[in-house]
Amino acid sequence: MQIILDRPRCEGHGLCEEAAPHLMHLDDEGELVLDQETVEGPDADAAKAAVRICPVAALRLA
């Protein structure tokens, strides 16, 4: 499964980072950085949670 970020849509709320801190983080400018784009196993559950919690739907899974 792959995490896809719609960068223009992302507003840097950071809720996804709280849900999956080992998969993504906000940089010093408040831009989301995906530390891991391809996920499987337990990481897939964290990625699903990050996608669900994003208030602007900037993340999706494919």
N, C-alpha and C. Protein backbone atom coordinates (compact mmCIF):
# COMPACT_ATOMS: atom_id res chain seq x y z
N MET A 1 0.85 -1.16 0.00
CA MET A 1 0.00 0.00 0.00
C MET A 1 0.91 1.24 0.00
N GLN A 2 0.48 2.27 -0.70
CA GLN A 2 1.29 3.48 -0.82
C GLN A 2 0.51 4.68 -0.28
N ILE A 3 1.21 5.54 0.48
CA ILE A 3 0.63 6.79 0.98
C ILE A 3 0.85 7.84 -0.09
N ILE A 4 -0.22 8.53 -0.46
CA ILE A 4 -0.12 9.59 -1.47
C ILE A 4 -0.52 10.91 -0.82
N LEU A 5 0.35 11.90 -0.94
CA LEU A 5 0.14 13.22 -0.35
C LEU A 5 -0.25 14.22 -1.43
N ASP A 6 -1.36 14.90 -1.24
CA ASP A 6 -1.77 16.00 -2.11
C ASP A 6 -1.21 17.27 -1.46
N ARG A 7 0.03 17.59 -1.78
CA ARG A 7 0.76 18.67 -1.11
C ARG A 7 0.01 20.01 -1.13
N PRO A 8 -0.56 20.45 -2.25
CA PRO A 8 -1.26 21.74 -2.24
C PRO A 8 -2.44 21.77 -1.26
N ARG A 9 -3.04 20.62 -1.01
CA ARG A 9 -4.19 20.55 -0.11
C ARG A 9 -3.77 20.56 1.36
N CYS A 10 -2.57 20.08 1.66
CA CYS A 10 -2.09 19.97 3.04
C CYS A 10 -1.94 21.36 3.66
N GLU A 11 -2.52 21.52 4.86
CA GLU A 11 -2.44 22.79 5.59
C GLU A 11 -1.54 22.71 6.81
N GLY A 12 -0.88 21.58 7.01
CA GLY A 12 0.09 21.44 8.09
C GLY A 12 -0.51 21.35 9.49
N HIS A 13 -1.70 20.79 9.63
CA HIS A 13 -2.32 20.65 10.95
C HIS A 13 -1.54 19.71 11.86
N GLY A 14 -0.91 18.69 11.28
CA GLY A 14 -0.07 17.78 12.05
C GLY A 14 -0.79 16.62 12.71
N LEU A 15 -2.09 16.48 12.49
CA LEU A 15 -2.82 15.37 13.09
C LEU A 15 -2.33 14.03 12.55
N CYS A 16 -1.98 14.00 11.28
CA CYS A 16 -1.47 12.77 10.68
C CYS A 16 -0.15 12.36 11.33
N GLU A 17 0.67 13.35 11.63
CA GLU A 17 1.95 13.08 12.29
C GLU A 17 1.72 12.45 13.66
N GLU A 18 0.70 12.91 14.36
CA GLU A 18 0.38 12.34 15.67
C GLU A 18 -0.10 10.90 15.52
N ALA A 19 -0.84 10.61 14.47
CA ALA A 19 -1.36 9.27 14.24
C ALA A 19 -0.29 8.29 13.76
N ALA A 20 0.68 8.79 13.02
CA ALA A 20 1.71 7.91 12.44
C ALA A 20 3.07 8.62 12.43
N PRO A 21 3.65 8.89 13.60
CA PRO A 21 4.90 9.64 13.67
C PRO A 21 6.10 8.95 13.03
N HIS A 22 6.04 7.64 12.91
CA HIS A 22 7.15 6.91 12.29
C HIS A 22 7.02 6.87 10.77
N LEU A 23 5.90 7.37 10.24
CA LEU A 23 5.69 7.37 8.79
C LEU A 23 5.81 8.76 8.18
N MET A 24 5.57 9.81 8.99
CA MET A 24 5.56 11.18 8.45
C MET A 24 5.84 12.18 9.55
N HIS A 25 6.29 13.38 9.14
CA HIS A 25 6.52 14.45 10.10
C HIS A 25 6.40 15.80 9.40
N LEU A 26 6.19 16.83 10.19
CA LEU A 26 6.20 18.20 9.66
C LEU A 26 7.61 18.74 9.78
N ASP A 27 8.11 19.36 8.71
CA ASP A 27 9.45 19.94 8.74
C ASP A 27 9.39 21.31 9.41
N ASP A 28 10.51 22.02 9.43
CA ASP A 28 10.61 23.32 10.10
C ASP A 28 9.70 24.38 9.50
N GLU A 29 9.31 24.21 8.24
CA GLU A 29 8.41 25.16 7.58
C GLU A 29 6.95 24.73 7.68
N GLY A 30 6.69 23.63 8.37
CA GLY A 30 5.32 23.15 8.52
C GLY A 30 4.82 22.32 7.35
N GLU A 31 5.74 21.89 6.48
CA GLU A 31 5.40 21.04 5.33
C GLU A 31 5.48 19.57 5.75
N LEU A 32 4.51 18.80 5.31
CA LEU A 32 4.52 17.38 5.63
C LEU A 32 5.56 16.65 4.78
N VAL A 33 6.33 15.81 5.44
CA VAL A 33 7.34 14.98 4.79
C VAL A 33 6.98 13.52 5.07
N LEU A 34 6.87 12.74 4.02
CA LEU A 34 6.61 11.32 4.17
C LEU A 34 7.94 10.61 4.37
N ASP A 35 8.12 10.01 5.54
CA ASP A 35 9.36 9.27 5.82
C ASP A 35 9.32 7.89 5.19
N GLN A 36 8.11 7.41 4.95
CA GLN A 36 7.92 6.08 4.37
C GLN A 36 6.66 6.15 3.51
N GLU A 37 6.79 5.93 2.24
CA GLU A 37 5.63 6.02 1.34
C GLU A 37 4.94 4.67 1.16
N THR A 38 5.69 3.60 1.18
CA THR A 38 5.11 2.27 1.02
C THR A 38 4.98 1.64 2.40
N VAL A 39 3.78 1.17 2.72
CA VAL A 39 3.52 0.60 4.04
C VAL A 39 2.86 -0.76 3.92
N GLU A 40 3.10 -1.58 4.93
CA GLU A 40 2.45 -2.89 5.02
C GLU A 40 2.44 -3.31 6.47
N GLY A 41 1.67 -4.31 6.77
CA GLY A 41 1.58 -4.82 8.14
C GLY A 41 1.06 -3.78 9.10
N PRO A 42 1.67 -3.70 10.30
CA PRO A 42 1.21 -2.76 11.32
C PRO A 42 1.29 -1.30 10.86
N ASP A 43 2.23 -0.99 10.00
CA ASP A 43 2.33 0.38 9.49
C ASP A 43 1.11 0.77 8.65
N ALA A 44 0.49 -0.20 8.03
CA ALA A 44 -0.70 0.08 7.22
C ALA A 44 -1.84 0.59 8.10
N ASP A 45 -1.97 0.06 9.30
CA ASP A 45 -3.01 0.54 10.22
C ASP A 45 -2.75 1.98 10.63
N ALA A 46 -1.50 2.32 10.90
CA ALA A 46 -1.15 3.69 11.25
C ALA A 46 -1.40 4.63 10.08
N ALA A 47 -1.07 4.18 8.87
CA ALA A 47 -1.31 5.00 7.68
C ALA A 47 -2.80 5.24 7.47
N LYS A 48 -3.61 4.21 7.68
CA LYS A 48 -5.06 4.36 7.55
C LYS A 48 -5.59 5.38 8.56
N ALA A 49 -5.06 5.34 9.77
CA ALA A 49 -5.48 6.29 10.80
C ALA A 49 -5.10 7.71 10.40
N ALA A 50 -3.90 7.88 9.85
CA ALA A 50 -3.45 9.21 9.42
C ALA A 50 -4.34 9.75 8.30
N VAL A 51 -4.71 8.89 7.37
CA VAL A 51 -5.59 9.30 6.27
C VAL A 51 -6.95 9.72 6.81
N ARG A 52 -7.50 8.94 7.74
CA ARG A 52 -8.83 9.22 8.30
C ARG A 52 -8.85 10.52 9.08
N ILE A 53 -7.77 10.83 9.79
CA ILE A 53 -7.77 11.98 10.70
C ILE A 53 -7.47 13.31 10.01
N CYS A 54 -6.96 13.27 8.80
CA CYS A 54 -6.62 14.51 8.08
C CYS A 54 -7.88 15.35 7.83
N PRO A 55 -7.95 16.58 8.37
CA PRO A 55 -9.16 17.38 8.23
C PRO A 55 -9.38 17.95 6.83
N VAL A 56 -8.36 17.92 5.99
CA VAL A 56 -8.49 18.47 4.63
C VAL A 56 -8.34 17.41 3.54
N ALA A 57 -8.30 16.14 3.95
CA ALA A 57 -8.19 15.01 3.02
C ALA A 57 -7.00 15.15 2.07
N ALA A 58 -5.85 15.49 2.65
CA ALA A 58 -4.63 15.64 1.86
C ALA A 58 -3.88 14.32 1.67
N LEU A 59 -4.29 13.28 2.36
CA LEU A 59 -3.64 11.99 2.26
C LEU A 59 -4.65 10.96 1.74
N ARG A 60 -4.12 9.99 0.98
CA ARG A 60 -4.93 8.86 0.57
C ARG A 60 -4.01 7.65 0.42
N LEU A 61 -4.61 6.50 0.35
CA LEU A 61 -3.86 5.25 0.18
C LEU A 61 -4.21 4.63 -1.15
N ALA A 62 -3.21 4.07 -1.80
CA ALA A 62 -3.44 3.39 -3.09
C ALA A 62 -2.79 2.03 -3.03
